[in-house]
Amino acid sequence: MPSSASPATAANAVDDQAAPLEGVRVVSLALNLPGPAALLRCRAMGATCLKLEPPGGDPMALYNRPAYAALHEGVEVRAVDLKSDAGQQQLHAELATTDVLLTSFRPSALDKLRLDWATLHARYPSLSQVAIVGAPGARAEEPGHDLTYLAESGLVTGTDLPPTLYADMGGALLASEAVLKAVLLQSRKAGGVYLEVALNASADWLALPRTWGLTQPAGAVGGAHAGYRVYPCADGRVAVAALEPHFAARLCEAAELASRDMMAPATHEALAAWIAARTRAELDAMARERDVPLLTLAD
């Protein structure tokens, strides 16, 4: 039966005018975050989505029920014991009419369940599989989680935890993209394909701006540009994103800065002092009047 759901959001709602996966059936065995998040995006693109969970349920439902409800909005959820003959029969009855199977098991677990790609493809030639793994190829058996993948990609720079689960959510984007790719390839070659999505690869993708130096301390969006920083103000903070020359010029004019070199320490110091003496309301008013991109924060 359909899972309980939180109120629909714009991000989750199906756009009937742009539903590239309309008529496509996706079955998911993937638990926790990346798989369900990918399935939710498939649902938003018009796919018919079924998720088969073990009898004990998805761990996400235990440690964050609201998140679980949001992730499964519009998705049919059934409990199936894939380790039993009855559960296997239920699964294969569904796979017979499925376009894409989404998994997040290690390869050894798929082998035990007789869901490895060679077996699946022989039995269902038109079925595609999108397999979410921690790391690609031979490393797919390694244990890991979002934090370890981010650390490997250089995105854990201190002892504080990252503010969100970047590798998991990035992996969900890549997995939903892979479902689209699988459907497109199916239409071209009239057969199923196997596509692997590695969470550490999603972290590597998100880390590219840092790898290129853009978000390193010496980079323009890493703190070196005075117009692209977070500053304390009189009653909170302000995220300033006056990166382009015309935005930076307007900010400097408002602050009456003598220096307009946004990479110079003197400009940083003068702008920081000017912002520190202004309230959020004053900064918001300046941004509206001068068309400067910034957002004030209460804490």
C-alpha atoms as a PDB file:
ATOM      1  CA  MET A   1       0.000   0.000   0.000  1.00  0.00           C
ATOM      2  CA  PRO A   2       1.180   3.619  -0.414  1.00  0.00           C
ATOM      3  CA  SER A   3       3.494   4.881   2.299  1.00  0.00           C
ATOM      4  CA  SER A   4       2.408   7.650   4.638  1.00  0.00           C
ATOM      5  CA  ALA A   5       3.552  10.958   3.235  1.00  0.00           C
ATOM      6  CA  SER A   6       4.327  14.476   4.260  1.00  0.00           C
ATOM      7  CA  PRO A   7       2.555  17.312   2.424  1.00  0.00           C
ATOM      8  CA  ALA A   8       3.647  17.596  -1.189  1.00  0.00           C
ATOM      9  CA  THR A   9       6.355  20.115  -1.944  1.00  0.00           C
ATOM     10  CA  ALA A  10       7.194  21.821  -5.192  1.00  0.00           C
ATOM     11  CA  ALA A  11      10.397  19.778  -5.399  1.00  0.00           C
ATOM     12  CA  ASN A  12       8.540  16.484  -5.084  1.00  0.00           C
ATOM     13  CA  ALA A  13       5.414  17.168  -7.136  1.00  0.00           C
ATOM     14  CA  VAL A  14       5.080  15.641 -10.578  1.00  0.00           C
ATOM     15  CA  ASP A  15       5.120  18.250 -13.345  1.00  0.00           C
ATOM     16  CA  ASP A  16       2.574  16.926 -15.845  1.00  0.00           C
ATOM     17  CA  GLN A  17       3.960  19.271 -18.492  1.00  0.00           C
ATOM     18  CA  ALA A  18       7.504  17.888 -18.187  1.00  0.00           C
ATOM     19  CA  ALA A  19       7.418  14.229 -17.174  1.00  0.00           C
ATOM     20  CA  PRO A  20      10.219  12.497 -19.101  1.00  0.00           C
ATOM     21  CA  LEU A  21       9.724   9.254 -17.152  1.00  0.00           C
ATOM     22  CA  GLU A  22       5.980   9.003 -17.677  1.00  0.00           C
ATOM     23  CA  GLY A  23       5.162   5.378 -18.500  1.00  0.00           C
ATOM     24  CA  VAL A  24       8.438   4.139 -16.983  1.00  0.00           C
ATOM     25  CA  ARG A  25       8.308   1.731 -14.034  1.00  0.00           C
ATOM     26  CA  VAL A  26      11.120   1.830 -11.487  1.00  0.00           C
ATOM     27  CA  VAL A  27      11.494  -0.733  -8.708  1.00  0.00           C
ATOM     28  CA  SER A  28      13.915   0.061  -5.896  1.00  0.00           C
ATOM     29  CA  LEU A  29      15.569  -2.141  -3.301  1.00  0.00           C
ATOM     30  CA  ALA A  30      17.768   0.727  -2.090  1.00  0.00           C
ATOM     31  CA  LEU A  31      17.575   1.819   1.554  1.00  0.00           C
ATOM     32  CA  ASN A  32      18.705   4.782   3.671  1.00  0.00           C
ATOM     33  CA  LEU A  33      19.183   8.044   1.722  1.00  0.00           C
ATOM     34  CA  PRO A  34      20.704   7.936  -1.786  1.00  0.00           C
ATOM     35  CA  GLY A  35      18.348   5.320  -3.238  1.00  0.00           C
ATOM     36  CA  PRO A  36      15.108   6.738  -1.827  1.00  0.00           C
ATOM     37  CA  ALA A  37      16.168  10.276  -2.805  1.00  0.00           C
ATOM     38  CA  ALA A  38      16.872   9.079  -6.347  1.00  0.00           C
ATOM     39  CA  LEU A  39      13.524   7.264  -6.458  1.00  0.00           C
ATOM     40  CA  LEU A  40      11.748  10.421  -5.306  1.00  0.00           C
ATOM     41  CA  ARG A  41      13.299  12.345  -8.187  1.00  0.00           C
ATOM     42  CA  CYS A  42      12.183   9.628 -10.592  1.00  0.00           C
ATOM     43  CA  ARG A  43       8.680   9.939  -9.194  1.00  0.00           C
ATOM     44  CA  ALA A  44       8.819  13.718  -9.703  1.00  0.00           C
ATOM     45  CA  MET A  45       9.744  13.047 -13.337  1.00  0.00           C
ATOM     46  CA  GLY A  46       6.623  10.948 -13.816  1.00  0.00           C
ATOM     47  CA  ALA A  47       7.851   7.405 -13.173  1.00  0.00           C
ATOM     48  CA  THR A  48       5.703   4.799 -11.457  1.00  0.00           C
ATOM     49  CA  CYS A  49       7.780   3.875  -8.416  1.00  0.00           C
ATOM     50  CA  LEU A  50       7.688   0.803  -6.189  1.00  0.00           C
ATOM     51  CA  LYS A  51      10.054   0.237  -3.282  1.00  0.00           C
ATOM     52  CA  LEU A  52      10.500  -3.191  -1.730  1.00  0.00           C
ATOM     53  CA  GLU A  53      11.770  -3.057   1.852  1.00  0.00           C
ATOM     54  CA  PRO A  54      12.932  -5.854   4.170  1.00  0.00           C
ATOM     55  CA  PRO A  55      10.516  -6.921   6.912  1.00  0.00           C
ATOM     56  CA  GLY A  56      12.388  -4.734   9.414  1.00  0.00           C
ATOM     57  CA  GLY A  57      11.856  -1.675   7.240  1.00  0.00           C
ATOM     58  CA  ASP A  58      14.212   1.045   6.076  1.00  0.00           C
ATOM     59  CA  PRO A  59      16.561   2.305   8.827  1.00  0.00           C
ATOM     60  CA  MET A  60      15.654   5.866   7.817  1.00  0.00           C
ATOM     61  CA  ALA A  61      12.138   5.268   9.149  1.00  0.00           C
ATOM     62  CA  LEU A  62      13.631   4.501  12.570  1.00  0.00           C
ATOM     63  CA  TYR A  63      16.030   7.402  12.995  1.00  0.00           C
ATOM     64  CA  ASN A  64      14.119  10.127  11.142  1.00  0.00           C
ATOM     65  CA  ARG A  65      10.488   9.437  10.369  1.00  0.00           C
ATOM     66  CA  PRO A  66       9.766  12.862   8.797  1.00  0.00           C
ATOM     67  CA  ALA A  67      12.665  12.392   6.381  1.00  0.00           C
ATOM     68  CA  TYR A  68      11.433   8.910   5.524  1.00  0.00           C
ATOM     69  CA  ALA A  69       7.927  10.211   4.854  1.00  0.00           C
ATOM     70  CA  ALA A  70       9.196  13.015   2.615  1.00  0.00           C
ATOM     71  CA  LEU A  71      11.448  10.645   0.661  1.00  0.00           C
ATOM     72  CA  HIS A  72       8.627   8.188  -0.035  1.00  0.00           C
ATOM     73  CA  GLU A  73       5.929  10.623  -1.032  1.00  0.00           C
ATOM     74  CA  GLY A  74       4.028   9.175  -3.977  1.00  0.00           C
ATOM     75  CA  VAL A  75       6.028   5.926  -3.832  1.00  0.00           C
ATOM     76  CA  GLU A  76       4.360   2.568  -3.232  1.00  0.00           C
ATOM     77  CA  VAL A  77       6.172   0.682  -0.458  1.00  0.00           C
ATOM     78  CA  ARG A  78       5.879  -3.042   0.285  1.00  0.00           C
ATOM     79  CA  ALA A  79       7.640  -5.298   2.783  1.00  0.00           C
ATOM     80  CA  VAL A  80       9.329  -8.269   1.098  1.00  0.00           C
ATOM     81  CA  ASP A  81      11.821 -10.764   2.516  1.00  0.00           C
ATOM     82  CA  LEU A  82      14.219 -11.271  -0.362  1.00  0.00           C
ATOM     83  CA  LYS A  83      15.989 -14.035   1.547  1.00  0.00           C
ATOM     84  CA  SER A  84      12.881 -16.212   1.346  1.00  0.00           C
ATOM     85  CA  ASP A  85      11.515 -18.109  -1.653  1.00  0.00           C
ATOM     86  CA  ALA A  86       8.204 -16.262  -1.347  1.00  0.00           C
ATOM     87  CA  GLY A  87       9.997 -12.924  -1.319  1.00  0.00           C
ATOM     88  CA  GLN A  88      12.031 -13.879  -4.368  1.00  0.00           C
ATOM     89  CA  GLN A  89       8.854 -14.836  -6.184  1.00  0.00           C
ATOM     90  CA  GLN A  90       7.258 -11.493  -5.321  1.00  0.00           C
ATOM     91  CA  LEU A  91      10.321  -9.614  -6.531  1.00  0.00           C
ATOM     92  CA  HIS A  92      10.539 -11.452  -9.834  1.00  0.00           C
ATOM     93  CA  ALA A  93       6.852 -11.007 -10.455  1.00  0.00           C
ATOM     94  CA  GLU A  94       7.491  -7.258 -10.264  1.00  0.00           C
ATOM     95  CA  LEU A  95      10.676  -7.336 -12.329  1.00  0.00           C
ATOM     96  CA  ALA A  96       8.813  -8.938 -15.220  1.00  0.00           C
ATOM     97  CA  THR A  97       7.062  -5.608 -15.835  1.00  0.00           C
ATOM     98  CA  THR A  98       9.817  -3.223 -14.666  1.00  0.00           C
ATOM     99  CA  ASP A  99      11.981  -0.928 -16.775  1.00  0.00           C
ATOM    100  CA  VAL A 100      14.701  -0.033 -14.233  1.00  0.00           C
ATOM    101  CA  LEU A 101      15.803  -1.735 -11.017  1.00  0.00           C
ATOM    102  CA  LEU A 102      17.524   0.498  -8.470  1.00  0.00           C
ATOM    103  CA  THR A 103      19.822  -1.195  -5.933  1.00  0.00           C
ATOM    104  CA  SER A 104      22.311  -0.163  -3.260  1.00  0.00           C
ATOM    105  CA  PHE A 105      23.746  -3.516  -2.150  1.00  0.00           C
ATOM    106  CA  ARG A 106      27.369  -4.525  -2.291  1.00  0.00           C
ATOM    107  CA  PRO A 107      28.073  -6.848  -5.244  1.00  0.00           C
ATOM    108  CA  SER A 108      28.508  -9.844  -2.909  1.00  0.00           C
ATOM    109  CA  ALA A 109      25.032  -9.259  -1.455  1.00  0.00           C
ATOM    110  CA  LEU A 110      23.530  -9.042  -4.939  1.00  0.00           C
ATOM    111  CA  ASP A 111      25.220 -12.335  -5.801  1.00  0.00           C
ATOM    112  CA  LYS A 112      23.665 -14.036  -2.754  1.00  0.00           C
ATOM    113  CA  LEU A 113      20.230 -12.752  -3.757  1.00  0.00           C
ATOM    114  CA  ARG A 114      20.820 -13.891  -7.365  1.00  0.00           C
ATOM    115  CA  LEU A 115      20.448 -10.298  -8.487  1.00  0.00           C
ATOM    116  CA  ASP A 116      23.857  -9.868 -10.103  1.00  0.00           C
ATOM    117  CA  TRP A 117      23.711  -8.248 -13.512  1.00  0.00           C
ATOM    118  CA  ALA A 118      24.575 -11.378 -15.499  1.00  0.00           C
ATOM    119  CA  THR A 119      21.697 -13.296 -13.926  1.00  0.00           C
ATOM    120  CA  LEU A 120      19.251 -10.405 -14.205  1.00  0.00           C
ATOM    121  CA  HIS A 121      20.105  -9.603 -17.803  1.00  0.00           C
ATOM    122  CA  ALA A 122      19.773 -13.234 -18.872  1.00  0.00           C
ATOM    123  CA  ARG A 123      16.335 -13.473 -17.281  1.00  0.00           C
ATOM    124  CA  TYR A 124      15.070  -9.972 -18.202  1.00  0.00           C
ATOM    125  CA  PRO A 125      16.866  -8.734 -21.336  1.00  0.00           C
ATOM    126  CA  SER A 126      14.918  -5.469 -21.438  1.00  0.00           C
ATOM    127  CA  LEU A 127      15.455  -4.610 -17.751  1.00  0.00           C
ATOM    128  CA  SER A 128      18.098  -2.034 -16.784  1.00  0.00           C
ATOM    129  CA  GLN A 129      19.836  -1.812 -13.431  1.00  0.00           C
ATOM    130  CA  VAL A 130      21.190   1.267 -11.701  1.00  0.00           C
ATOM    131  CA  ALA A 131      23.479   0.078  -8.921  1.00  0.00           C
ATOM    132  CA  ILE A 132      24.443   2.579  -6.214  1.00  0.00           C
ATOM    133  CA  VAL A 133      27.747   1.607  -4.579  1.00  0.00           C
ATOM    134  CA  GLY A 134      30.153   3.317  -2.233  1.00  0.00           C
ATOM    135  CA  ALA A 135      33.133   3.206  -4.563  1.00  0.00           C
ATOM    136  CA  PRO A 136      33.461   1.921  -8.128  1.00  0.00           C
ATOM    137  CA  GLY A 137      34.671  -1.372  -9.476  1.00  0.00           C
ATOM    138  CA  ALA A 138      36.784  -3.507  -7.190  1.00  0.00           C
ATOM    139  CA  ARG A 139      36.265  -1.052  -4.320  1.00  0.00           C
ATOM    140  CA  ALA A 140      32.503  -1.611  -4.280  1.00  0.00           C
ATOM    141  CA  GLU A 141      32.851  -4.062  -1.378  1.00  0.00           C
ATOM    142  CA  GLU A 142      34.515  -1.473   0.883  1.00  0.00           C
ATOM    143  CA  PRO A 143      32.401  -0.159   3.777  1.00  0.00           C
ATOM    144  CA  GLY A 144      31.834   3.571   3.840  1.00  0.00           C
ATOM    145  CA  HIS A 145      29.400   6.398   4.411  1.00  0.00           C
ATOM    146  CA  ASP A 146      28.849   9.985   3.320  1.00  0.00           C
ATOM    147  CA  LEU A 147      31.476  11.286   5.761  1.00  0.00           C
ATOM    148  CA  THR A 148      34.232   8.959   4.543  1.00  0.00           C
ATOM    149  CA  TYR A 149      33.513   9.736   0.896  1.00  0.00           C
ATOM    150  CA  LEU A 150      33.634  13.476   1.580  1.00  0.00           C
ATOM    151  CA  ALA A 151      36.856  13.084   3.545  1.00  0.00           C
ATOM    152  CA  GLU A 152      38.415  11.147   0.670  1.00  0.00           C
ATOM    153  CA  SER A 153      37.482  13.976  -1.704  1.00  0.00           C
ATOM    154  CA  GLY A 154      39.033  16.657   0.496  1.00  0.00           C
ATOM    155  CA  LEU A 155      35.701  18.107   1.626  1.00  0.00           C
ATOM    156  CA  VAL A 156      36.216  17.561   5.361  1.00  0.00           C
ATOM    157  CA  THR A 157      38.584  20.343   6.337  1.00  0.00           C
ATOM    158  CA  GLY A 158      38.302  20.366  10.123  1.00  0.00           C
ATOM    159  CA  THR A 159      36.659  18.422  12.925  1.00  0.00           C
ATOM    160  CA  ASP A 160      33.154  19.790  12.342  1.00  0.00           C
ATOM    161  CA  LEU A 161      30.754  17.576  10.425  1.00  0.00           C
ATOM    162  CA  PRO A 162      29.690  18.875   6.985  1.00  0.00           C
ATOM    163  CA  PRO A 163      26.351  20.713   7.157  1.00  0.00           C
ATOM    164  CA  THR A 164      24.562  18.198   4.919  1.00  0.00           C
ATOM    165  CA  LEU A 165      25.054  14.780   3.321  1.00  0.00           C
ATOM    166  CA  TYR A 166      26.647  15.937   0.104  1.00  0.00           C
ATOM    167  CA  ALA A 167      27.838  12.579  -1.253  1.00  0.00           C
ATOM    168  CA  ASP A 168      24.504  10.886  -0.578  1.00  0.00           C
ATOM    169  CA  MET A 169      22.408  13.639  -2.138  1.00  0.00           C
ATOM    170  CA  GLY A 170      24.867  14.103  -4.993  1.00  0.00           C
ATOM    171  CA  GLY A 171      24.752  10.355  -5.524  1.00  0.00           C
ATOM    172  CA  ALA A 172      20.960  10.508  -5.653  1.00  0.00           C
ATOM    173  CA  LEU A 173      21.201  13.095  -8.440  1.00  0.00           C
ATOM    174  CA  LEU A 174      23.632  10.905 -10.365  1.00  0.00           C
ATOM    175  CA  ALA A 175      21.398   7.862  -9.825  1.00  0.00           C
ATOM    176  CA  SER A 176      18.270   9.605 -11.109  1.00  0.00           C
ATOM    177  CA  GLU A 177      20.353  10.836 -14.044  1.00  0.00           C
ATOM    178  CA  ALA A 178      21.413   7.219 -14.619  1.00  0.00           C
ATOM    179  CA  VAL A 179      17.758   6.125 -14.700  1.00  0.00           C
ATOM    180  CA  LEU A 180      17.130   8.706 -17.432  1.00  0.00           C
ATOM    181  CA  LYS A 181      20.230   7.501 -19.263  1.00  0.00           C
ATOM    182  CA  ALA A 182      19.112   3.875 -18.994  1.00  0.00           C
ATOM    183  CA  VAL A 183      15.684   4.675 -20.406  1.00  0.00           C
ATOM    184  CA  LEU A 184      17.233   6.650 -23.273  1.00  0.00           C
ATOM    185  CA  LEU A 185      19.651   3.819 -24.081  1.00  0.00           C
ATOM    186  CA  GLN A 186      16.839   1.269 -23.897  1.00  0.00           C
ATOM    187  CA  SER A 187      14.931   3.211 -26.525  1.00  0.00           C
ATOM    188  CA  ARG A 188      17.973   3.240 -28.785  1.00  0.00           C
ATOM    189  CA  LYS A 189      19.243  -0.341 -28.450  1.00  0.00           C
ATOM    190  CA  ALA A 190      16.089  -2.175 -27.342  1.00  0.00           C
ATOM    191  CA  GLY A 191      17.795  -3.821 -24.389  1.00  0.00           C
ATOM    192  CA  GLY A 192      18.634  -3.307 -20.755  1.00  0.00           C
ATOM    193  CA  VAL A 193      21.866  -1.724 -19.525  1.00  0.00           C
ATOM    194  CA  TYR A 194      23.825  -1.818 -16.282  1.00  0.00           C
ATOM    195  CA  LEU A 195      24.934   1.508 -14.827  1.00  0.00           C
ATOM    196  CA  GLU A 196      26.978   1.918 -11.654  1.00  0.00           C
ATOM    197  CA  VAL A 197      26.773   5.064  -9.523  1.00  0.00           C
ATOM    198  CA  ALA A 198      29.539   5.471  -6.929  1.00  0.00           C
ATOM    199  CA  LEU A 199      28.958   7.784  -3.976  1.00  0.00           C
ATOM    200  CA  ASN A 200      32.632   8.661  -3.731  1.00  0.00           C
ATOM    201  CA  ALA A 201      32.476   9.709  -7.388  1.00  0.00           C
ATOM    202  CA  SER A 202      29.610  12.052  -6.527  1.00  0.00           C
ATOM    203  CA  ALA A 203      31.816  13.532  -3.797  1.00  0.00           C
ATOM    204  CA  ASP A 204      34.649  13.915  -6.309  1.00  0.00           C
ATOM    205  CA  TRP A 205      32.275  15.721  -8.669  1.00  0.00           C
ATOM    206  CA  LEU A 206      31.135  18.113  -5.948  1.00  0.00           C
ATOM    207  CA  ALA A 207      34.758  18.662  -4.937  1.00  0.00           C
ATOM    208  CA  LEU A 208      35.894  19.809  -8.391  1.00  0.00           C
ATOM    209  CA  PRO A 209      35.646  23.549  -7.591  1.00  0.00           C
ATOM    210  CA  ARG A 210      37.974  22.933  -4.654  1.00  0.00           C
ATOM    211  CA  THR A 211      40.258  20.750  -6.773  1.00  0.00           C
ATOM    212  CA  TRP A 212      40.478  23.568  -9.316  1.00  0.00           C
ATOM    213  CA  GLY A 213      41.346  26.018  -6.549  1.00  0.00           C
ATOM    214  CA  LEU A 214      38.150  28.059  -6.762  1.00  0.00           C
ATOM    215  CA  THR A 215      37.128  27.400  -3.154  1.00  0.00           C
ATOM    216  CA  GLN A 216      40.602  27.173  -1.659  1.00  0.00           C
ATOM    217  CA  PRO A 217      41.488  30.079   0.689  1.00  0.00           C
ATOM    218  CA  ALA A 218      43.395  31.760  -2.149  1.00  0.00           C
ATOM    219  CA  GLY A 219      40.502  31.323  -4.571  1.00  0.00           C
ATOM    220  CA  ALA A 220      37.982  33.993  -5.503  1.00  0.00           C
ATOM    221  CA  VAL A 221      35.082  32.074  -3.941  1.00  0.00           C
ATOM    222  CA  GLY A 222      37.157  30.609  -1.121  1.00  0.00           C
ATOM    223  CA  GLY A 223      37.653  33.852   0.803  1.00  0.00           C
ATOM    224  CA  ALA A 224      40.242  35.784  -1.203  1.00  0.00           C
ATOM    225  CA  HIS A 225      37.649  38.083  -2.822  1.00  0.00           C
ATOM    226  CA  ALA A 226      36.342  40.699  -0.380  1.00  0.00           C
ATOM    227  CA  GLY A 227      32.944  40.697  -2.059  1.00  0.00           C
ATOM    228  CA  TYR A 228      32.386  36.955  -1.602  1.00  0.00           C
ATOM    229  CA  ARG A 229      32.499  36.252   2.114  1.00  0.00           C
ATOM    230  CA  VAL A 230      30.423  35.894   5.244  1.00  0.00           C
ATOM    231  CA  TYR A 231      30.852  38.896   7.571  1.00  0.00           C
ATOM    232  CA  PRO A 232      29.553  39.626  11.059  1.00  0.00           C
ATOM    233  CA  CYS A 233      27.249  42.637  11.202  1.00  0.00           C
ATOM    234  CA  ALA A 234      25.805  44.598  14.134  1.00  0.00           C
ATOM    235  CA  ASP A 235      23.007  42.105  14.828  1.00  0.00           C
ATOM    236  CA  GLY A 236      23.939  38.925  12.983  1.00  0.00           C
ATOM    237  CA  ARG A 237      25.818  37.906   9.868  1.00  0.00           C
ATOM    238  CA  VAL A 238      25.645  38.660   6.177  1.00  0.00           C
ATOM    239  CA  ALA A 239      26.523  36.411   3.228  1.00  0.00           C
ATOM    240  CA  VAL A 240      27.885  38.749   0.572  1.00  0.00           C
ATOM    241  CA  ALA A 241      28.119  37.471  -3.013  1.00  0.00           C
ATOM    242  CA  ALA A 242      29.202  40.587  -4.917  1.00  0.00           C
ATOM    243  CA  LEU A 243      31.607  38.649  -7.095  1.00  0.00           C
ATOM    244  CA  GLU A 244      31.141  40.201 -10.531  1.00  0.00           C
ATOM    245  CA  PRO A 245      32.868  43.579 -11.064  1.00  0.00           C
ATOM    246  CA  HIS A 246      29.614  45.568 -11.330  1.00  0.00           C
ATOM    247  CA  PHE A 247      28.281  44.091  -8.085  1.00  0.00           C
ATOM    248  CA  ALA A 248      31.622  44.637  -6.341  1.00  0.00           C
ATOM    249  CA  ALA A 249      31.705  48.257  -7.534  1.00  0.00           C
ATOM    250  CA  ARG A 250      28.230  48.944  -6.117  1.00  0.00           C
ATOM    251  CA  LEU A 251      29.210  47.414  -2.779  1.00  0.00           C
ATOM    252  CA  CYS A 252      32.381  49.495  -2.619  1.00  0.00           C
ATOM    253  CA  GLU A 253      30.428  52.638  -3.486  1.00  0.00           C
ATOM    254  CA  ALA A 254      27.946  51.945  -0.698  1.00  0.00           C
ATOM    255  CA  ALA A 255      30.784  51.413   1.778  1.00  0.00           C
ATOM    256  CA  GLU A 256      32.701  54.430   0.409  1.00  0.00           C
ATOM    257  CA  LEU A 257      35.880  52.386   0.148  1.00  0.00           C
ATOM    258  CA  ALA A 258      39.075  53.996  -0.997  1.00  0.00           C
ATOM    259  CA  SER A 259      40.394  50.703  -2.353  1.00  0.00           C
ATOM    260  CA  ARG A 260      38.464  48.859  -5.064  1.00  0.00           C
ATOM    261  CA  ASP A 261      40.919  45.961  -5.309  1.00  0.00           C
ATOM    262  CA  MET A 262      38.728  43.147  -4.032  1.00  0.00           C
ATOM    263  CA  MET A 263      41.709  40.847  -3.468  1.00  0.00           C
ATOM    264  CA  ALA A 264      43.626  43.359  -1.337  1.00  0.00           C
ATOM    265  CA  PRO A 265      43.779  42.895   2.453  1.00  0.00           C
ATOM    266  CA  ALA A 266      42.972  46.609   2.905  1.00  0.00           C
ATOM    267  CA  THR A 267      39.690  46.175   1.056  1.00  0.00           C
ATOM    268  CA  HIS A 268      38.796  43.167   3.203  1.00  0.00           C
ATOM    269  CA  GLU A 269      39.509  45.108   6.390  1.00  0.00           C
ATOM    270  CA  ALA A 270      37.631  48.239   5.342  1.00  0.00           C
ATOM    271  CA  LEU A 271      34.595  46.326   4.128  1.00  0.00           C
ATOM    272  CA  ALA A 272      34.513  44.170   7.270  1.00  0.00           C
ATOM    273  CA  ALA A 273      34.600  47.272   9.463  1.00  0.00           C
ATOM    274  CA  TRP A 274      31.828  48.961   7.469  1.00  0.00           C
ATOM    275  CA  ILE A 275      29.564  45.893   7.591  1.00  0.00           C
ATOM    276  CA  ALA A 276      30.222  45.320  11.307  1.00  0.00           C
ATOM    277  CA  ALA A 277      28.736  48.755  12.058  1.00  0.00           C
ATOM    278  CA  ARG A 278      25.528  48.127  10.086  1.00  0.00           C
ATOM    279  CA  THR A 279      22.378  46.251  11.100  1.00  0.00           C
ATOM    280  CA  ARG A 280      20.745  43.589   9.013  1.00  0.00           C
ATOM    281  CA  ALA A 281      17.944  45.988   8.128  1.00  0.00           C
ATOM    282  CA  GLU A 282      20.426  48.582   6.898  1.00  0.00           C
ATOM    283  CA  LEU A 283      22.288  46.028   4.805  1.00  0.00           C
ATOM    284  CA  ASP A 284      19.062  44.643   3.343  1.00  0.00           C
ATOM    285  CA  ALA A 285      17.973  48.155   2.382  1.00  0.00           C
ATOM    286  CA  MET A 286      21.330  48.868   0.750  1.00  0.00           C
ATOM    287  CA  ALA A 287      21.122  45.620  -1.228  1.00  0.00           C
ATOM    288  CA  ARG A 288      17.660  46.452  -2.531  1.00  0.00           C
ATOM    289  CA  GLU A 289      18.571  50.017  -3.468  1.00  0.00           C
ATOM    290  CA  ARG A 290      21.849  49.166  -5.182  1.00  0.00           C
ATOM    291  CA  ASP A 291      20.992  45.682  -6.530  1.00  0.00           C
ATOM    292  CA  VAL A 292      23.754  43.901  -4.599  1.00  0.00           C
ATOM    293  CA  PRO A 293      23.483  40.141  -3.990  1.00  0.00           C
ATOM    294  CA  LEU A 294      23.609  39.449  -0.255  1.00  0.00           C
ATOM    295  CA  LEU A 295      21.577  37.680   2.402  1.00  0.00           C
ATOM    296  CA  THR A 296      21.513  38.651   6.061  1.00  0.00           C
ATOM    297  CA  LEU A 297      21.396  35.951   8.739  1.00  0.00           C
ATOM    298  CA  ALA A 298      20.138  36.227  12.293  1.00  0.00           C
ATOM    299  CA  ASP A 299      22.887  34.073  13.801  1.00  0.00           C
END
